[in-house]
Amino acid sequence: MAGGQQGEGTAPGRAGRLGPWLVAAVAGALYAVLSCLRHERYLSGMDLAIFGQVARRVASGEAPYSEMKGADYLIFGDHLHPVVLLLGVPWRLWGDPRSLLVAQAVCVAIAVAIVGRLAVERLGTRLGLLLTVLLALSVGVQAAVVFDVHEVALGAPLVALAGADFVRRRWNRTAIWVALFPLVKEDMAVLVLGFALALLVAGRRRLAAALAVWAGVALVLALRVIIPALNPRGIYPYSGTTSVAPQHVWDSLVADGRGSITVLVLVASAGLLSLRSPLVLAAAAPLGLRMASSNDSYWGLDYHYSLLPAVVLACAAVDGLARTRSQALLRATVGLSVAVAVWAVWTGPLVDEVERQLTPCARCADARAALDQVPVGAEVAADDHLAPHLLADRTVLHVHPNYTDEETRRPEWMLLDRRTDTGRNAHGRAWSEELVEHSIEQDGYELVWERAGYVVLRR
């Protein structure tokens, strides 16, 4: 294993220079294709619809409003994530929600390539390329790229740059990258704090102190000033929806157990020698916040929440392996990482998505027929899985279980799947049948088309 190591300061050969980019390109292409195919099966949801509306407006030179969130809802009144303005670029190139899925896959691939170049530089071509593959197949990456579109994926290259420069001991450059994290999302201030702790352990006290202060300032500005000022109700909309308390740490790590599994899988994916690097502290900060949250969706490996910790831990793995001279330890930690990667691929969303594509879609043609009933340019309310397919050339509102209580707008068209159990506060409950009846009986809608459970109503 050590035979392929160049050692620090030795330039890698052509395979070492191009290999990480080739691995990243293949992984990115795979994830882009699977994400688009998943979208074609009506499995994408509300988040893609929200960001799609933002991208469409930004590409047209308009303010980033999202009707999915509400009337005149500026997206920065929900989260402070200026990075989403970049989504206007892929939309200009291809005015379709799938352009955002491709852009997300490209950003994740770039992050993989950045970490891969670091791994080759520090560990040699063979081991470096192996770690590049392991990151590309890690459960954190898999879960993120097959779940709609999220701003954290756009920030993945930035986090990779910060982690790579930390390992290279380019402290000032590390601090610059880290200082930009709050542009990705307001809660990235916690990751800034994590990097500050890592820099403190590395002996860079002034940089650590400066970043810690900036993390606090950025978080207060976002939660107390900027978001409430832009929110239609003048609040931070997630205050009170989740609480952070020590009791939740017990619940997530012990009583429920998903938190423990998440931490163990992420650390094992990177290899136990990643614990030798101060960068583990950077990853520990957002992970700790997740485990202390009352929102149990943060505890597990699903969704996009583990993407950035996986990128940071991959950099920590490179650092930890480079610090180790014992070949036995190197083989053991890399073997563990390979085993976890095999498990992640075999049991993770990647195989599930591939298997799903091999199965005929029984209702896709019916869903397309339902969409065709709504004229281009119309205003339509639609549920989670149908909304992303309408937003390119219609104005789309979000139908959810509490729609009639919380939303005063009644558009001309409504499009629903009677079988859906997703939606805001749905909790797996079949709610759409009740909404269809309510819309017909009390809101003046008429059933104008129905097939295979898809319903089109017109007012």
Protein backbone atom coordinates (compact mmCIF):
# COMPACT_ATOMS: atom_id res chain seq x y z
CA MET A 1 0.00 0.00 0.00
CA ALA A 2 2.83 2.36 0.80
CA GLY A 3 4.54 1.65 -2.49
CA GLY A 4 2.45 4.26 -4.29
CA GLN A 5 3.22 7.09 -1.87
CA GLN A 6 5.20 9.97 -3.22
CA GLY A 7 5.46 11.71 0.11
CA GLU A 8 4.94 15.41 0.75
CA GLY A 9 6.47 17.73 -1.79
CA THR A 10 6.72 15.13 -4.56
CA ALA A 11 4.66 15.91 -7.63
CA PRO A 12 2.28 13.11 -8.62
CA GLY A 13 2.44 11.58 -12.08
CA ARG A 14 -0.15 11.97 -14.77
CA ALA A 15 -2.39 9.31 -13.24
CA GLY A 16 -2.24 11.11 -9.93
CA ARG A 17 -3.07 14.47 -11.48
CA LEU A 18 -5.92 13.31 -13.68
CA GLY A 19 -7.19 10.34 -11.68
CA PRO A 20 -9.19 12.27 -9.03
CA TRP A 21 -10.90 14.31 -11.71
CA LEU A 22 -11.75 11.17 -13.70
CA VAL A 23 -13.20 9.46 -10.63
CA ALA A 24 -15.16 12.59 -9.76
CA ALA A 25 -16.42 12.97 -13.34
CA VAL A 26 -17.69 9.39 -13.47
CA ALA A 27 -19.36 9.71 -10.07
CA GLY A 28 -20.86 13.07 -10.95
CA ALA A 29 -22.23 11.77 -14.23
CA LEU A 30 -23.73 8.75 -12.47
CA TYR A 31 -25.38 10.87 -9.82
CA ALA A 32 -26.67 13.40 -12.34
CA VAL A 33 -28.25 10.66 -14.44
CA LEU A 34 -29.82 8.92 -11.43
CA SER A 35 -31.14 12.20 -10.06
CA CYS A 36 -32.74 13.09 -13.38
CA LEU A 37 -34.21 9.61 -13.81
CA ARG A 38 -35.57 9.81 -10.28
CA HIS A 39 -37.19 13.13 -11.18
CA GLU A 40 -38.73 11.55 -14.28
CA ARG A 41 -40.39 9.00 -11.99
CA TYR A 42 -42.03 11.79 -9.96
CA LEU A 43 -39.90 11.18 -6.89
CA SER A 44 -38.42 14.64 -6.54
CA GLY A 45 -40.23 16.94 -4.17
CA MET A 46 -40.82 20.28 -2.56
CA ASP A 47 -37.20 21.36 -2.14
CA LEU A 48 -36.52 21.03 -5.86
CA ALA A 49 -39.69 23.01 -6.56
CA ILE A 50 -38.65 25.80 -4.17
CA PHE A 51 -35.15 26.15 -5.55
CA GLY A 52 -36.45 25.76 -9.08
CA GLN A 53 -38.72 28.76 -8.61
CA VAL A 54 -35.80 30.75 -7.19
CA ALA A 55 -33.56 29.76 -10.11
CA ARG A 56 -36.21 30.67 -12.65
CA ARG A 57 -36.69 34.13 -11.14
CA VAL A 58 -32.98 34.83 -10.73
CA ALA A 59 -32.31 33.74 -14.32
CA SER A 60 -34.92 36.29 -15.41
CA GLY A 61 -33.32 39.07 -13.38
CA GLU A 62 -36.04 39.03 -10.71
CA ALA A 63 -35.87 38.84 -6.94
CA PRO A 64 -35.64 35.28 -5.55
CA TYR A 65 -39.25 34.69 -4.52
CA SER A 66 -40.83 31.27 -4.13
CA GLU A 67 -44.59 30.83 -4.37
CA MET A 68 -44.14 27.36 -2.89
CA LYS A 69 -43.29 29.03 0.41
CA GLY A 70 -46.12 31.55 0.23
CA ALA A 71 -47.33 34.75 -1.41
CA ASP A 72 -44.54 37.32 -1.90
CA TYR A 73 -42.16 35.06 0.00
CA LEU A 74 -38.55 36.15 -0.45
CA ILE A 75 -36.47 33.02 -0.09
CA PHE A 76 -34.02 34.70 2.30
CA GLY A 77 -36.88 35.12 4.75
CA ASP A 78 -36.78 31.34 5.14
CA HIS A 79 -33.05 30.65 5.22
CA LEU A 80 -30.10 32.95 4.64
CA HIS A 81 -28.32 31.17 1.79
CA PRO A 82 -27.04 33.65 -0.81
CA VAL A 83 -25.30 30.81 -2.64
CA VAL A 84 -28.67 29.77 -4.15
CA LEU A 85 -28.48 32.81 -6.41
CA LEU A 86 -25.93 30.81 -8.40
CA LEU A 87 -28.73 28.45 -9.42
CA GLY A 88 -29.79 31.05 -11.94
CA VAL A 89 -26.77 30.06 -14.06
CA PRO A 90 -27.78 26.45 -14.84
CA TRP A 91 -31.39 27.59 -15.30
CA ARG A 92 -30.28 30.07 -17.95
CA LEU A 93 -28.51 27.23 -19.76
CA TRP A 94 -31.43 24.82 -19.45
CA GLY A 95 -34.72 26.13 -18.11
CA ASP A 96 -35.71 22.91 -16.43
CA PRO A 97 -35.52 21.68 -12.80
CA ARG A 98 -33.19 18.91 -13.95
CA SER A 99 -30.54 21.54 -14.61
CA LEU A 100 -30.36 22.05 -10.85
CA LEU A 101 -29.97 18.32 -10.26
CA VAL A 102 -27.07 18.27 -12.72
CA ALA A 103 -25.53 21.36 -11.10
CA GLN A 104 -25.74 19.70 -7.70
CA ALA A 105 -24.00 16.58 -9.00
CA VAL A 106 -21.28 18.74 -10.56
CA CYS A 107 -20.66 20.59 -7.27
CA VAL A 108 -20.39 17.34 -5.33
CA ALA A 109 -18.05 15.94 -8.00
CA ILE A 110 -15.81 19.02 -7.72
CA ALA A 111 -15.62 18.53 -3.95
CA VAL A 112 -14.67 14.88 -4.47
CA ALA A 113 -11.95 15.89 -6.94
CA ILE A 114 -10.51 18.51 -4.55
CA VAL A 115 -10.26 15.98 -1.74
CA GLY A 116 -8.92 13.39 -4.19
CA ARG A 117 -6.11 15.68 -5.33
CA LEU A 118 -5.19 16.24 -1.68
CA ALA A 119 -5.20 12.48 -1.06
CA VAL A 120 -2.93 11.75 -4.03
CA GLU A 121 -0.60 14.57 -3.05
CA ARG A 122 -0.25 13.34 0.54
CA LEU A 123 -0.62 9.58 0.23
CA GLY A 124 0.40 8.62 -3.28
CA THR A 125 -1.53 7.75 -6.39
CA ARG A 126 -2.91 4.33 -5.50
CA LEU A 127 -4.06 5.08 -1.98
CA GLY A 128 -5.15 8.59 -2.94
CA LEU A 129 -7.36 7.34 -5.77
CA LEU A 130 -8.83 4.68 -3.50
CA LEU A 131 -9.83 7.34 -0.98
CA THR A 132 -11.31 9.41 -3.81
CA VAL A 133 -13.53 6.49 -4.78
CA LEU A 134 -14.49 5.88 -1.16
CA LEU A 135 -15.63 9.48 -0.73
CA ALA A 136 -17.58 9.39 -3.99
CA LEU A 137 -19.41 6.29 -2.78
CA SER A 138 -19.82 7.34 0.85
CA VAL A 139 -23.28 7.24 2.34
CA GLY A 140 -23.22 10.99 2.99
CA VAL A 141 -22.64 11.73 -0.69
CA GLN A 142 -25.13 9.14 -1.91
CA ALA A 143 -27.94 10.35 0.31
CA ALA A 144 -27.41 13.99 -0.65
CA VAL A 145 -27.36 13.65 -4.41
CA VAL A 146 -30.51 11.53 -4.66
CA PHE A 147 -32.61 13.82 -2.48
CA ASP A 148 -33.74 16.87 -4.43
CA VAL A 149 -31.44 19.94 -4.43
CA HIS A 150 -29.95 21.68 -1.42
CA GLU A 151 -27.65 24.60 -0.84
CA VAL A 152 -25.19 22.51 1.16
CA ALA A 153 -24.26 20.67 -2.04
CA LEU A 154 -23.41 23.99 -3.65
CA GLY A 155 -21.15 24.69 -0.68
CA ALA A 156 -19.38 21.32 -0.81
CA PRO A 157 -16.48 22.59 -2.98
CA LEU A 158 -15.92 25.46 -0.55
CA VAL A 159 -15.77 23.07 2.40
CA ALA A 160 -13.42 20.78 0.47
CA LEU A 161 -11.10 23.71 -0.26
CA ALA A 162 -11.06 24.65 3.41
CA GLY A 163 -10.33 21.09 4.52
CA ALA A 164 -7.63 20.59 1.92
CA ASP A 165 -5.84 23.83 2.81
CA PHE A 166 -6.04 22.94 6.50
CA VAL A 167 -4.25 19.66 5.81
CA ARG A 168 -1.67 21.53 3.71
CA ARG A 169 -1.26 23.94 6.65
CA ARG A 170 -2.16 26.93 4.54
CA TRP A 171 -3.77 28.58 7.51
CA ASN A 172 -4.71 31.97 6.09
CA ARG A 173 -6.32 30.44 3.02
CA THR A 174 -8.19 28.02 5.25
CA ALA A 175 -9.57 30.90 7.27
CA ILE A 176 -10.70 32.73 4.15
CA TRP A 177 -12.63 29.73 2.84
CA VAL A 178 -14.16 29.08 6.25
CA ALA A 179 -15.23 32.70 6.66
CA LEU A 180 -17.35 32.30 3.52
CA PHE A 181 -19.36 29.36 4.92
CA PRO A 182 -22.29 31.50 6.17
CA LEU A 183 -22.98 32.44 2.54
CA VAL A 184 -24.06 28.83 2.03
CA LYS A 185 -26.58 28.70 4.89
CA GLU A 186 -26.99 30.38 8.25
CA ASP A 187 -26.35 27.22 10.28
CA MET A 188 -22.98 26.81 8.56
CA ALA A 189 -21.76 29.16 11.28
CA VAL A 190 -21.58 26.03 13.43
CA LEU A 191 -19.12 24.50 10.95
CA VAL A 192 -17.12 27.77 11.13
CA LEU A 193 -16.92 27.24 14.88
CA GLY A 194 -15.79 23.66 14.32
CA PHE A 195 -12.95 24.82 12.08
CA ALA A 196 -12.06 27.42 14.70
CA LEU A 197 -11.65 24.61 17.25
CA ALA A 198 -9.49 22.67 14.80
CA LEU A 199 -7.30 25.71 14.19
CA LEU A 200 -6.98 26.24 17.93
CA VAL A 201 -5.70 22.70 18.40
CA ALA A 202 -3.33 23.26 15.48
CA GLY A 203 -1.85 26.23 17.36
CA ARG A 204 -3.38 29.02 15.28
CA ARG A 205 -4.98 30.90 18.15
CA ARG A 206 -5.57 34.26 16.47
CA LEU A 207 -7.25 32.75 13.43
CA ALA A 208 -9.27 30.49 15.68
CA ALA A 209 -10.45 33.39 17.83
CA ALA A 210 -11.31 35.52 14.79
CA LEU A 211 -13.37 32.73 13.21
CA ALA A 212 -15.13 31.96 16.49
CA VAL A 213 -16.18 35.58 16.83
CA TRP A 214 -17.28 35.67 13.19
CA ALA A 215 -19.33 32.49 13.68
CA GLY A 216 -21.24 34.10 16.54
CA VAL A 217 -21.75 37.39 14.71
CA ALA A 218 -22.91 35.66 11.51
CA LEU A 219 -25.38 33.48 13.39
CA VAL A 220 -26.87 36.37 15.38
CA LEU A 221 -27.13 38.56 12.29
CA ALA A 222 -28.87 35.81 10.34
CA LEU A 223 -31.31 34.60 13.01
CA ARG A 224 -32.07 37.86 14.77
CA VAL A 225 -31.72 40.53 12.10
CA ILE A 226 -31.60 39.55 8.42
CA ILE A 227 -34.03 36.62 8.19
CA PRO A 228 -36.71 38.24 10.39
CA ALA A 229 -36.39 41.47 8.38
CA LEU A 230 -37.06 39.58 5.15
CA ASN A 231 -39.64 37.13 6.48
CA PRO A 232 -43.31 38.04 5.75
CA ARG A 233 -44.17 37.48 9.41
CA GLY A 234 -41.06 39.18 10.77
CA ILE A 235 -39.69 36.04 12.42
CA TYR A 236 -37.09 33.33 12.01
CA PRO A 237 -39.53 30.63 10.85
CA TYR A 238 -37.74 27.73 12.52
CA SER A 239 -37.59 29.21 16.01
CA GLY A 240 -39.36 26.80 18.31
CA THR A 241 -39.82 24.11 15.68
CA THR A 242 -36.70 22.34 16.90
CA SER A 243 -35.00 22.70 20.25
CA VAL A 244 -31.44 21.92 21.25
CA ALA A 245 -30.99 20.24 24.63
CA PRO A 246 -28.78 17.57 26.29
CA GLN A 247 -31.82 15.30 26.60
CA HIS A 248 -31.94 14.99 22.83
CA VAL A 249 -28.33 13.78 22.81
CA TRP A 250 -29.40 10.86 24.96
CA ASP A 251 -32.41 10.26 22.76
CA SER A 252 -30.46 10.35 19.50
CA LEU A 253 -27.39 8.43 20.62
CA VAL A 254 -28.87 5.92 23.07
CA ALA A 255 -32.66 5.71 23.27
CA ASP A 256 -33.25 5.93 19.53
CA GLY A 257 -29.75 4.93 18.46
CA ARG A 258 -29.78 6.47 14.99
CA GLY A 259 -27.40 9.19 16.07
CA SER A 260 -24.82 6.67 17.22
CA ILE A 261 -25.10 4.78 13.95
CA THR A 262 -24.64 8.01 11.99
CA VAL A 263 -21.50 9.01 13.89
CA LEU A 264 -19.99 5.53 13.73
CA VAL A 265 -20.68 5.11 10.03
CA LEU A 266 -19.26 8.52 9.11
CA VAL A 267 -16.11 8.03 11.19
CA ALA A 268 -15.64 4.45 9.99
CA SER A 269 -16.12 5.59 6.39
CA ALA A 270 -13.23 7.98 6.81
CA GLY A 271 -11.19 5.43 8.74
CA LEU A 272 -10.39 5.51 12.43
CA LEU A 273 -7.07 7.22 11.75
CA SER A 274 -9.05 10.32 10.82
CA LEU A 275 -9.37 10.76 14.58
CA ARG A 276 -5.68 11.72 14.62
CA SER A 277 -6.47 14.94 12.77
CA PRO A 278 -7.74 18.13 14.44
CA LEU A 279 -10.21 18.36 11.54
CA VAL A 280 -12.37 15.83 13.36
CA LEU A 281 -13.37 18.71 15.61
CA ALA A 282 -14.65 20.62 12.58
CA ALA A 283 -16.96 17.74 11.68
CA ALA A 284 -17.91 17.15 15.31
CA ALA A 285 -19.48 20.60 15.69
CA PRO A 286 -22.36 20.18 13.17
CA LEU A 287 -22.76 16.53 14.11
CA GLY A 288 -23.11 17.48 17.76
CA LEU A 289 -25.74 20.08 16.91
CA ARG A 290 -27.70 17.47 14.96
CA MET A 291 -27.60 14.99 17.82
CA ALA A 292 -28.77 17.67 20.27
CA SER A 293 -31.76 18.62 18.13
CA SER A 294 -35.33 17.56 18.87
CA ASN A 295 -35.87 17.05 15.12
CA ASP A 296 -35.19 13.34 14.73
CA SER A 297 -34.79 13.65 10.95
CA TYR A 298 -31.35 15.14 11.71
CA TRP A 299 -30.19 12.06 13.60
CA GLY A 300 -29.98 9.52 10.80
CA LEU A 301 -28.04 9.07 7.58
CA ASP A 302 -30.90 10.05 5.30
CA TYR A 303 -31.21 13.26 3.30
CA HIS A 304 -28.38 15.75 2.77
CA TYR A 305 -27.29 16.38 6.35
CA SER A 306 -24.19 14.17 6.28
CA LEU A 307 -22.67 15.49 3.05
CA LEU A 308 -20.47 18.23 4.49
CA PRO A 309 -19.32 16.20 7.53
CA ALA A 310 -18.35 13.43 5.09
CA VAL A 311 -16.22 15.89 3.08
CA VAL A 312 -14.51 17.23 6.22
CA LEU A 313 -13.88 13.73 7.57
CA ALA A 314 -12.39 12.68 4.23
CA CYS A 315 -9.85 15.49 4.58
CA ALA A 316 -9.26 14.41 8.17
CA ALA A 317 -8.65 10.86 6.91
CA VAL A 318 -5.95 12.09 4.54
CA ASP A 319 -4.36 14.04 7.38
CA GLY A 320 -4.54 11.10 9.79
CA LEU A 321 -3.14 8.60 7.30
CA ALA A 322 -0.31 10.96 6.38
CA ARG A 323 0.63 11.19 10.06
CA THR A 324 0.83 7.39 10.40
CA ARG A 325 3.92 5.33 9.65
CA SER A 326 2.61 1.94 10.79
CA GLN A 327 1.72 -0.14 7.74
CA ALA A 328 -0.49 -2.38 9.85
CA LEU A 329 -2.55 0.58 11.02
CA LEU A 330 -2.75 1.94 7.49
CA ARG A 331 -4.02 -1.36 6.14
CA ALA A 332 -6.51 -1.78 8.98
CA THR A 333 -8.04 1.69 8.68
CA VAL A 334 -8.24 1.59 4.88
CA GLY A 335 -9.73 -1.90 5.04
CA LEU A 336 -12.39 -0.65 7.42
CA SER A 337 -13.18 2.26 5.10
CA VAL A 338 -13.51 -0.09 2.14
CA ALA A 339 -15.80 -2.41 4.10
CA VAL A 340 -18.05 0.48 5.14
CA ALA A 341 -18.13 1.79 1.55
CA VAL A 342 -19.19 -1.64 0.26
CA TRP A 343 -21.90 -1.76 2.91
CA ALA A 344 -22.98 1.81 2.06
CA VAL A 345 -23.30 0.98 -1.63
CA TRP A 346 -25.05 -2.33 -1.05
CA THR A 347 -27.59 -0.95 1.44
CA GLY A 348 -27.69 2.72 0.46
CA PRO A 349 -29.79 4.75 -1.95
CA LEU A 350 -27.48 4.16 -4.92
CA VAL A 351 -28.47 0.53 -5.41
CA ASP A 352 -32.10 1.33 -4.62
CA GLU A 353 -32.18 3.95 -7.35
CA VAL A 354 -30.54 1.66 -9.89
CA GLU A 355 -33.00 -1.13 -9.09
CA ARG A 356 -35.90 1.28 -9.34
CA GLN A 357 -34.85 2.31 -12.84
CA LEU A 358 -34.95 -1.32 -13.91
CA THR A 359 -38.61 -1.56 -12.90
CA PRO A 360 -41.34 -0.17 -15.19
CA CYS A 361 -43.02 2.95 -13.81
CA ALA A 362 -46.67 1.99 -13.56
CA ARG A 363 -48.11 5.50 -13.14
CA CYS A 364 -45.62 7.79 -14.90
CA ALA A 365 -47.68 8.06 -18.10
CA ASP A 366 -50.76 8.90 -16.03
CA ALA A 367 -48.86 11.60 -14.13
CA ARG A 368 -47.70 13.15 -17.42
CA ALA A 369 -51.26 13.11 -18.70
CA ALA A 370 -52.44 14.87 -15.54
CA LEU A 371 -49.79 17.58 -15.98
CA ASP A 372 -50.91 18.13 -19.56
CA GLN A 373 -54.37 19.14 -18.34
CA VAL A 374 -53.00 22.35 -16.81
CA PRO A 375 -52.40 25.08 -19.43
CA VAL A 376 -49.00 26.72 -19.76
CA GLY A 377 -48.93 29.98 -17.82
CA ALA A 378 -51.68 28.94 -15.42
CA GLU A 379 -51.58 29.22 -11.65
CA VAL A 380 -51.86 25.79 -10.08
CA ALA A 381 -51.64 24.26 -6.63
CA ALA A 382 -49.88 20.89 -6.60
CA ASP A 383 -48.50 18.39 -4.14
CA ASP A 384 -44.83 17.68 -3.45
CA HIS A 385 -44.04 15.25 -6.25
CA LEU A 386 -46.02 16.95 -9.01
CA ALA A 387 -45.00 20.55 -8.31
CA PRO A 388 -41.41 20.30 -9.67
CA HIS A 389 -42.75 19.25 -13.07
CA LEU A 390 -44.95 22.32 -13.39
CA LEU A 391 -42.74 25.18 -12.27
CA ALA A 392 -40.84 25.78 -15.53
CA ASP A 393 -43.82 27.41 -17.24
CA ARG A 394 -46.55 27.74 -14.62
CA THR A 395 -47.00 29.49 -11.30
CA VAL A 396 -47.03 26.73 -8.68
CA LEU A 397 -48.38 26.83 -5.14
CA HIS A 398 -47.76 24.11 -2.58
CA VAL A 399 -50.63 21.88 -1.53
CA HIS A 400 -50.11 20.20 1.84
CA PRO A 401 -52.27 18.68 4.60
CA ASN A 402 -52.96 22.06 6.24
CA TYR A 403 -53.43 23.92 2.96
CA THR A 404 -57.02 25.03 3.51
CA ASP A 405 -56.24 26.33 7.01
CA GLU A 406 -52.95 28.09 6.31
CA GLU A 407 -53.33 29.30 2.70
CA THR A 408 -55.90 31.87 1.58
CA ARG A 409 -55.07 31.67 -2.12
CA ARG A 410 -57.27 29.51 -4.30
CA PRO A 411 -55.74 29.20 -7.78
CA GLU A 412 -57.76 28.22 -10.81
CA TRP A 413 -56.19 24.75 -10.99
CA MET A 414 -55.33 22.09 -8.44
CA LEU A 415 -53.40 18.91 -9.16
CA LEU A 416 -53.23 16.09 -6.61
CA ASP A 417 -52.27 12.47 -6.19
CA ARG A 418 -54.88 10.70 -4.10
CA ARG A 419 -52.23 8.20 -2.99
CA THR A 420 -49.69 10.69 -1.67
CA ASP A 421 -48.68 10.60 1.97
CA THR A 422 -45.97 13.27 1.76
CA GLY A 423 -46.29 16.97 2.47
CA ARG A 424 -45.75 19.49 5.24
CA ASN A 425 -46.77 17.83 8.54
CA ALA A 426 -48.18 14.83 6.70
CA HIS A 427 -46.37 12.33 8.93
CA GLY A 428 -47.21 9.52 6.53
CA ARG A 429 -50.94 10.24 6.66
CA ALA A 430 -53.07 9.87 3.53
CA TRP A 431 -54.52 13.39 3.46
CA SER A 432 -55.20 14.25 -0.16
CA GLU A 433 -58.60 12.51 -0.36
CA GLU A 434 -59.90 14.76 2.39
CA LEU A 435 -58.53 17.85 0.62
CA VAL A 436 -60.15 16.87 -2.68
CA GLU A 437 -63.54 16.56 -0.99
CA HIS A 438 -63.09 19.84 0.86
CA SER A 439 -62.02 21.68 -2.31
CA ILE A 440 -65.08 20.45 -4.22
CA GLU A 441 -67.62 20.99 -1.45
CA GLN A 442 -66.41 24.29 0.02
CA ASP A 443 -63.94 26.01 -2.33
CA GLY A 444 -65.84 25.83 -5.58
CA TYR A 445 -63.62 23.37 -7.43
CA GLU A 446 -64.88 20.89 -10.00
CA LEU A 447 -63.29 17.54 -10.79
CA VAL A 448 -62.36 17.78 -14.47
CA TRP A 449 -59.99 14.85 -14.93
CA GLU A 450 -58.93 11.73 -13.03
CA ARG A 451 -56.82 8.68 -13.80
CA ALA A 452 -54.87 6.18 -11.70
CA GLY A 453 -55.31 8.27 -8.58
CA TYR A 454 -54.23 11.57 -10.14
CA VAL A 455 -56.88 14.28 -9.84
CA VAL A 456 -57.20 17.61 -11.69
CA LEU A 457 -59.57 20.18 -10.21
CA ARG A 458 -60.61 23.51 -11.72
CA ARG A 459 -62.24 26.42 -9.94
